[in-house]
């Protein structure tokens, strides 16, 4: 008699077919959606009416088109939007960033009018509002004025929350900024508004956004406020722990196309929600992939550990999912 241990491994099935994959009803028992439209957020780059950059990137719209755009996205099931505003009337202190009725305030209010259930995140940073294009404010001697920068970021965060933002995103990786923003929100009664700081790795993949929104510093660069590629795996984990200790509720990793290894490492270390940001410089490559290829790429980011994906391809991917039954 042949024992079980001596018996040869069974064949996969008739003609080599694996039973767990052969019948559609069985496949359905084990299959989970790789990606849904609700896993996506779209960047909304708000420009003044008549601005020549409208349409240069997906989501680059004039203020008067904000309502129509976000209503279309919500109709496709997209779960969130991250709003960026082209700064105007810039000065050395970024004062327009907290002026009444500025472009960001108008944009968030417009989003809320038509999509009350859409998750709205806003960028909190000086780069769109300072005449220098820098994320931070400076003293007369050229040093970073930490107190003034923290104060500006806190005031921006509160203003965005008052306009209807669900989450605010301190963009400059300036230690202490998350704590300052969290305290400003709490002190103003917005304890339920989330704080989602960036984990930004230095890259050329921010280029199209910076050119459109004119956020390149007039002098120098901002590498001191970003992570270096060669140390990204280690330094991102260290910075993420700092942000969580300062009061962050979630984290955004950018860019993600060249940092999937970092995303995997970060997921292994962090329980906090992670957003993978497929930045503006990734868009030309994704466009060449077509809607199916875009969808496969974004689904891979979810498998790699992202809880949510912010991408300029959100509308195309959501439409593809709808047309193909998810």
Protein backbone atom coordinates (compact mmCIF):
# COMPACT_ATOMS: atom_id res chain seq x y z
CA UNK A 1 0.00 0.00 0.00
CA UNK A 2 1.24 3.49 -0.88
CA UNK A 3 1.38 5.84 2.11
CA UNK A 4 0.31 9.46 1.93
CA UNK A 5 3.89 10.62 2.19
CA UNK A 6 4.86 8.41 -0.78
CA UNK A 7 1.97 9.52 -2.95
CA UNK A 8 3.03 11.93 -5.71
CA UNK A 9 1.73 15.47 -5.60
CA UNK A 10 -1.62 15.71 -7.36
CA UNK A 11 -1.81 17.44 -10.67
CA UNK A 12 -3.34 20.89 -10.72
CA UNK A 13 -6.43 19.49 -12.39
CA UNK A 14 -7.62 18.52 -15.84
CA UNK A 15 -5.20 19.93 -18.38
CA UNK A 16 -3.13 21.48 -15.59
CA UNK A 17 -5.87 23.86 -14.40
CA UNK A 18 -5.78 24.85 -10.73
CA UNK A 19 -9.28 24.32 -9.22
CA UNK A 20 -9.03 27.49 -7.12
CA UNK A 21 -8.75 29.53 -10.31
CA UNK A 22 -10.71 27.44 -12.78
CA UNK A 23 -14.30 28.34 -11.93
CA UNK A 24 -15.46 31.92 -11.74
CA UNK A 25 -17.69 31.32 -8.70
CA UNK A 26 -14.72 29.93 -6.76
CA UNK A 27 -12.44 32.77 -7.85
CA UNK A 28 -15.04 35.22 -6.58
CA UNK A 29 -14.84 33.68 -3.10
CA UNK A 30 -11.20 34.64 -2.75
CA UNK A 31 -10.86 37.73 -4.91
CA UNK A 32 -10.72 41.19 -3.41
CA UNK A 33 -10.69 44.36 -5.52
CA UNK A 34 -7.14 45.43 -6.22
CA UNK A 35 -8.29 49.03 -6.46
CA UNK A 36 -11.46 51.09 -6.24
CA UNK A 37 -12.14 54.70 -7.17
CA UNK A 38 -12.61 55.43 -3.48
CA UNK A 39 -8.91 54.62 -2.96
CA UNK A 40 -7.99 57.65 -5.08
CA UNK A 41 -7.58 61.36 -4.50
CA UNK A 42 -6.93 63.88 -7.25
CA UNK A 43 -4.70 66.97 -7.02
CA UNK A 44 -6.69 70.13 -7.73
CA UNK A 45 -4.44 72.96 -8.89
CA UNK A 46 -6.57 76.08 -8.60
CA UNK A 47 -5.62 78.94 -10.92
CA UNK A 48 -7.20 82.36 -11.37
CA UNK A 49 -9.75 82.64 -14.16
CA UNK A 50 -8.01 83.18 -17.49
CA UNK A 51 -4.64 81.81 -16.35
CA UNK A 52 -2.69 80.33 -19.32
CA UNK A 53 -1.72 77.22 -17.36
CA UNK A 54 -5.27 75.85 -17.22
CA UNK A 55 -5.23 72.24 -18.47
CA UNK A 56 -1.45 71.92 -18.48
CA UNK A 57 -1.79 69.14 -15.90
CA UNK A 58 -4.90 67.10 -15.03
CA UNK A 59 -6.74 69.02 -12.34
CA UNK A 60 -5.18 72.37 -13.25
CA UNK A 61 -8.38 74.43 -13.48
CA UNK A 62 -9.49 78.01 -13.16
CA UNK A 63 -11.47 78.92 -10.08
CA UNK A 64 -14.77 79.11 -11.95
CA UNK A 65 -14.38 75.45 -13.01
CA UNK A 66 -13.72 74.03 -9.54
CA UNK A 67 -17.35 73.07 -8.87
CA UNK A 68 -17.78 71.33 -12.21
CA UNK A 69 -14.48 69.46 -11.88
CA UNK A 70 -14.96 68.08 -8.38
CA UNK A 71 -18.58 67.14 -9.11
CA UNK A 72 -17.36 65.08 -12.07
CA UNK A 73 -14.70 63.40 -9.93
CA UNK A 74 -17.16 62.59 -7.17
CA UNK A 75 -19.53 61.14 -9.75
CA UNK A 76 -16.78 58.69 -10.71
CA UNK A 77 -16.43 57.66 -7.06
CA UNK A 78 -13.10 59.37 -6.38
CA UNK A 79 -12.73 59.61 -2.62
CA UNK A 80 -10.78 62.80 -2.09
CA UNK A 81 -9.12 65.90 -3.45
CA UNK A 82 -6.00 67.76 -2.43
CA UNK A 83 -6.23 71.47 -3.17
CA UNK A 84 -3.29 73.65 -4.14
CA UNK A 85 -3.72 77.34 -4.97
CA UNK A 86 -1.59 79.59 -7.12
CA UNK A 87 -0.38 82.29 -4.77
CA UNK A 88 -1.14 85.90 -5.68
CA UNK A 89 -0.03 89.32 -4.44
CA UNK A 90 3.05 87.69 -2.97
CA UNK A 91 5.28 89.37 -0.43
CA UNK A 92 8.16 88.49 1.88
CA UNK A 93 5.84 87.39 4.69
CA UNK A 94 3.33 85.43 2.62
CA UNK A 95 0.56 87.60 4.02
CA UNK A 96 -1.94 86.77 1.27
CA UNK A 97 -1.85 83.13 2.40
CA UNK A 98 -4.08 84.14 5.30
CA UNK A 99 -5.95 87.04 3.73
CA UNK A 100 -9.73 86.93 3.68
CA UNK A 101 -11.16 85.37 0.54
CA UNK A 102 -7.86 84.31 -1.03
CA UNK A 103 -7.81 81.76 -3.84
CA UNK A 104 -7.51 78.74 -1.53
CA UNK A 105 -10.42 79.87 0.63
CA UNK A 106 -12.60 80.38 -2.43
CA UNK A 107 -11.59 76.99 -3.83
CA UNK A 108 -12.34 75.03 -0.65
CA UNK A 109 -15.67 76.80 -0.24
CA UNK A 110 -16.57 75.95 -3.85
CA UNK A 111 -15.66 72.29 -3.32
CA UNK A 112 -17.82 72.12 -0.23
CA UNK A 113 -20.81 73.62 -2.03
CA UNK A 114 -21.09 70.75 -4.51
CA UNK A 115 -19.40 67.79 -2.79
CA UNK A 116 -20.04 67.86 0.97
CA UNK A 117 -18.95 64.21 1.31
CA UNK A 118 -15.64 64.50 -0.58
CA UNK A 119 -12.53 64.34 1.64
CA UNK A 120 -10.74 67.67 1.18
CA UNK A 121 -7.05 68.11 1.98
CA UNK A 122 -5.23 71.42 1.57
CA UNK A 123 -1.58 72.33 1.14
CA UNK A 124 -0.18 74.40 4.00
CA UNK A 125 3.08 75.95 2.88
CA UNK A 126 4.61 79.35 2.19
CA UNK A 127 6.04 78.52 -1.25
CA UNK A 128 2.91 79.59 -3.15
CA UNK A 129 2.62 82.86 -1.24
CA UNK A 130 6.11 84.22 -0.58
CA UNK A 131 7.81 86.50 -3.08
CA UNK A 132 10.94 84.34 -2.69
CA UNK A 133 9.09 81.13 -3.53
CA UNK A 134 10.44 79.62 -0.34
CA UNK A 135 8.48 77.38 1.99
CA UNK A 136 9.74 79.29 5.02
CA UNK A 137 10.02 82.88 6.17
CA UNK A 138 13.44 84.45 6.78
CA UNK A 139 14.93 86.91 9.26
CA UNK A 140 16.64 90.07 7.94
CA UNK A 141 19.96 88.19 8.21
CA UNK A 142 18.71 85.33 6.04
CA UNK A 143 18.15 82.67 8.67
CA UNK A 144 14.88 80.71 8.85
CA UNK A 145 12.47 82.55 11.13
CA UNK A 146 10.97 79.54 12.86
CA UNK A 147 8.44 81.40 14.98
CA UNK A 148 7.10 83.40 12.03
CA UNK A 149 6.97 80.31 9.80
CA UNK A 150 5.15 78.26 12.43
CA UNK A 151 2.71 81.11 12.99
CA UNK A 152 1.98 81.44 9.26
CA UNK A 153 1.42 77.69 8.86
CA UNK A 154 -0.85 77.58 11.88
CA UNK A 155 -2.93 80.50 10.66
CA UNK A 156 -3.21 78.93 7.19
CA UNK A 157 -4.34 75.63 8.70
CA UNK A 158 -7.06 77.29 10.76
CA UNK A 159 -8.27 79.34 7.80
CA UNK A 160 -8.49 76.22 5.63
CA UNK A 161 -10.38 74.37 8.35
CA UNK A 162 -12.81 77.26 8.68
CA UNK A 163 -13.38 77.07 4.91
CA UNK A 164 -14.23 73.37 5.10
CA UNK A 165 -11.00 71.36 4.83
CA UNK A 166 -11.02 67.92 6.46
CA UNK A 167 -7.23 67.53 6.49
CA UNK A 168 -4.38 70.03 6.25
CA UNK A 169 -1.00 69.06 4.85
CA UNK A 170 2.12 70.88 6.09
CA UNK A 171 4.38 70.54 3.07
CA UNK A 172 7.76 71.88 4.21
CA UNK A 173 9.62 69.24 6.19
CA UNK A 174 10.43 71.62 9.01
CA UNK A 175 10.70 69.96 12.40
CA UNK A 176 8.20 71.50 14.81
CA UNK A 177 5.77 72.52 12.06
CA UNK A 178 3.37 69.62 12.58
CA UNK A 179 3.23 70.32 16.31
CA UNK A 180 2.55 74.01 15.60
CA UNK A 181 -0.22 73.24 13.11
CA UNK A 182 -1.84 70.68 15.41
CA UNK A 183 -1.79 73.14 18.32
CA UNK A 184 -3.29 75.93 16.19
CA UNK A 185 -6.13 73.69 15.05
CA UNK A 186 -6.82 72.43 18.56
CA UNK A 187 -6.78 75.92 20.05
CA UNK A 188 -9.33 77.04 17.43
CA UNK A 189 -11.70 74.14 18.09
CA UNK A 190 -10.76 72.02 15.07
CA UNK A 191 -9.64 68.89 16.91
CA UNK A 192 -11.38 66.74 14.29
CA UNK A 193 -9.36 68.18 11.38
CA UNK A 194 -6.49 65.88 10.45
CA UNK A 195 -2.83 66.77 9.93
CA UNK A 196 -1.05 64.99 7.08
CA UNK A 197 2.58 66.10 6.67
CA UNK A 198 4.77 65.21 3.72
CA UNK A 199 7.69 62.83 3.57
CA UNK A 200 9.27 64.48 0.53
CA UNK A 201 12.27 62.94 -1.19
CA UNK A 202 14.38 65.21 -3.36
CA UNK A 203 13.62 64.54 -7.03
CA UNK A 204 13.11 66.06 -10.46
CA UNK A 205 9.58 64.59 -10.43
CA UNK A 206 8.12 67.76 -8.89
CA UNK A 207 9.12 69.80 -11.94
CA UNK A 208 5.84 70.29 -13.87
CA UNK A 209 3.98 71.29 -10.72
CA UNK A 210 6.65 73.76 -9.62
CA UNK A 211 6.77 75.34 -13.07
CA UNK A 212 2.99 75.75 -13.25
CA UNK A 213 2.51 76.98 -9.69
CA UNK A 214 5.77 79.00 -9.67
CA UNK A 215 6.98 77.49 -6.43
CA UNK A 216 10.68 77.17 -7.27
CA UNK A 217 12.76 79.28 -4.88
CA UNK A 218 14.14 82.42 -6.52
CA UNK A 219 17.55 81.58 -5.04
CA UNK A 220 19.03 78.19 -4.21
CA UNK A 221 16.92 75.11 -3.60
CA UNK A 222 14.97 73.43 -0.80
CA UNK A 223 16.95 70.22 -0.36
CA UNK A 224 17.43 71.09 3.30
CA UNK A 225 13.67 70.62 3.68
CA UNK A 226 13.61 67.30 1.80
CA UNK A 227 15.05 63.81 2.20
CA UNK A 228 18.04 62.65 0.16
CA UNK A 229 17.51 59.71 -2.17
CA UNK A 230 20.53 57.75 -1.00
CA UNK A 231 19.30 57.67 2.61
CA UNK A 232 15.57 57.68 1.89
CA UNK A 233 14.73 54.25 3.32
CA UNK A 234 16.22 55.03 6.72
CA UNK A 235 15.56 58.75 6.94
CA UNK A 236 11.92 58.45 5.89
CA UNK A 237 11.21 56.08 8.77
CA UNK A 238 12.98 58.41 11.21
CA UNK A 239 11.04 61.44 9.95
CA UNK A 240 7.74 59.56 9.98
CA UNK A 241 8.23 58.72 13.64
CA UNK A 242 8.96 62.38 14.37
CA UNK A 243 5.79 63.51 12.59
CA UNK A 244 3.66 61.01 14.48
CA UNK A 245 5.23 62.15 17.76
CA UNK A 246 4.38 65.76 16.82
CA UNK A 247 0.72 64.87 16.31
CA UNK A 248 0.36 63.77 12.68
CA UNK A 249 -2.70 61.62 11.94
CA UNK A 250 -1.50 60.32 8.57
CA UNK A 251 1.52 60.67 6.26
CA UNK A 252 2.15 61.35 2.58
CA UNK A 253 5.15 59.88 0.76
CA UNK A 254 6.28 61.65 -2.41
CA UNK A 255 7.27 60.94 -5.11
CA UNK A 256 6.31 57.30 -5.08
CA UNK A 257 7.28 56.07 -8.55
CA UNK A 258 10.96 56.05 -7.60
CA UNK A 259 10.37 55.21 -3.93
CA UNK A 260 8.25 52.05 -3.84
CA UNK A 261 10.97 50.43 -1.73
CA UNK A 262 10.57 53.28 0.75
CA UNK A 263 6.80 52.80 0.80
CA UNK A 264 7.23 49.11 1.65
CA UNK A 265 9.73 49.93 4.42
CA UNK A 266 7.47 52.67 5.77
CA UNK A 267 4.43 50.39 5.81
CA UNK A 268 6.34 47.82 7.83
CA UNK A 269 7.18 50.47 10.42
CA UNK A 270 3.97 52.52 10.59
CA UNK A 271 0.37 51.80 11.52
CA UNK A 272 -0.74 55.33 10.59
CA UNK A 273 -2.56 55.77 7.25
CA UNK A 274 -0.15 56.26 4.35
CA UNK A 275 -0.87 58.28 1.23
CA UNK A 276 1.29 57.59 -1.83
CA UNK A 277 1.60 60.72 -3.98
CA UNK A 278 2.22 60.06 -7.66
CA UNK A 279 3.60 63.51 -8.42
CA UNK A 280 3.36 65.73 -11.50
CA UNK A 281 6.57 64.44 -13.08
CA UNK A 282 5.13 60.93 -13.11
CA UNK A 283 2.15 61.98 -15.21
CA UNK A 284 3.88 61.90 -18.65
CA UNK A 285 5.00 58.31 -18.04
CA UNK A 286 1.56 57.24 -16.80
CA UNK A 287 -0.10 58.86 -19.81
CA UNK A 288 2.01 56.64 -22.08
CA UNK A 289 0.81 53.55 -20.21
CA UNK A 290 -2.84 54.23 -21.05
CA UNK A 291 -5.75 53.78 -18.67
CA UNK A 292 -5.21 50.06 -18.10
CA UNK A 293 -1.51 50.49 -17.37
CA UNK A 294 -2.21 53.43 -15.07
CA UNK A 295 -4.69 51.32 -13.15
CA UNK A 296 -2.21 48.46 -12.75
CA UNK A 297 0.42 50.89 -11.47
CA UNK A 298 -1.86 52.49 -8.90
CA UNK A 299 -3.08 49.05 -7.77
CA UNK A 300 0.55 48.07 -7.22
CA UNK A 301 1.00 51.06 -4.89
CA UNK A 302 -1.95 49.85 -2.84
CA UNK A 303 -0.41 46.36 -2.59
CA UNK A 304 2.90 47.91 -1.58
CA UNK A 305 1.25 49.48 1.45
CA UNK A 306 -0.51 52.71 0.51
CA UNK A 307 -3.89 53.19 2.16
CA UNK A 308 -4.71 55.86 -0.40
CA UNK A 309 -3.15 57.17 -3.62
CA UNK A 310 -3.00 60.82 -4.66
CA UNK A 311 -2.44 60.92 -8.40
CA UNK A 312 -2.88 63.08 -11.47
CA UNK A 313 -4.24 59.92 -13.13
CA UNK A 314 -7.17 59.66 -10.70
CA UNK A 315 -9.88 60.60 -13.19
CA UNK A 316 -8.58 58.30 -15.93
CA UNK A 317 -8.19 55.38 -13.52
CA UNK A 318 -11.61 55.91 -11.96
CA UNK A 319 -13.23 56.04 -15.41
CA UNK A 320 -11.41 52.84 -16.40
CA UNK A 321 -12.62 51.08 -13.26
CA UNK A 322 -16.19 52.20 -13.93
CA UNK A 323 -16.09 51.06 -17.56
CA UNK A 324 -14.66 47.67 -16.61
CA UNK A 325 -16.77 46.92 -13.59
CA UNK A 326 -14.09 47.75 -11.05
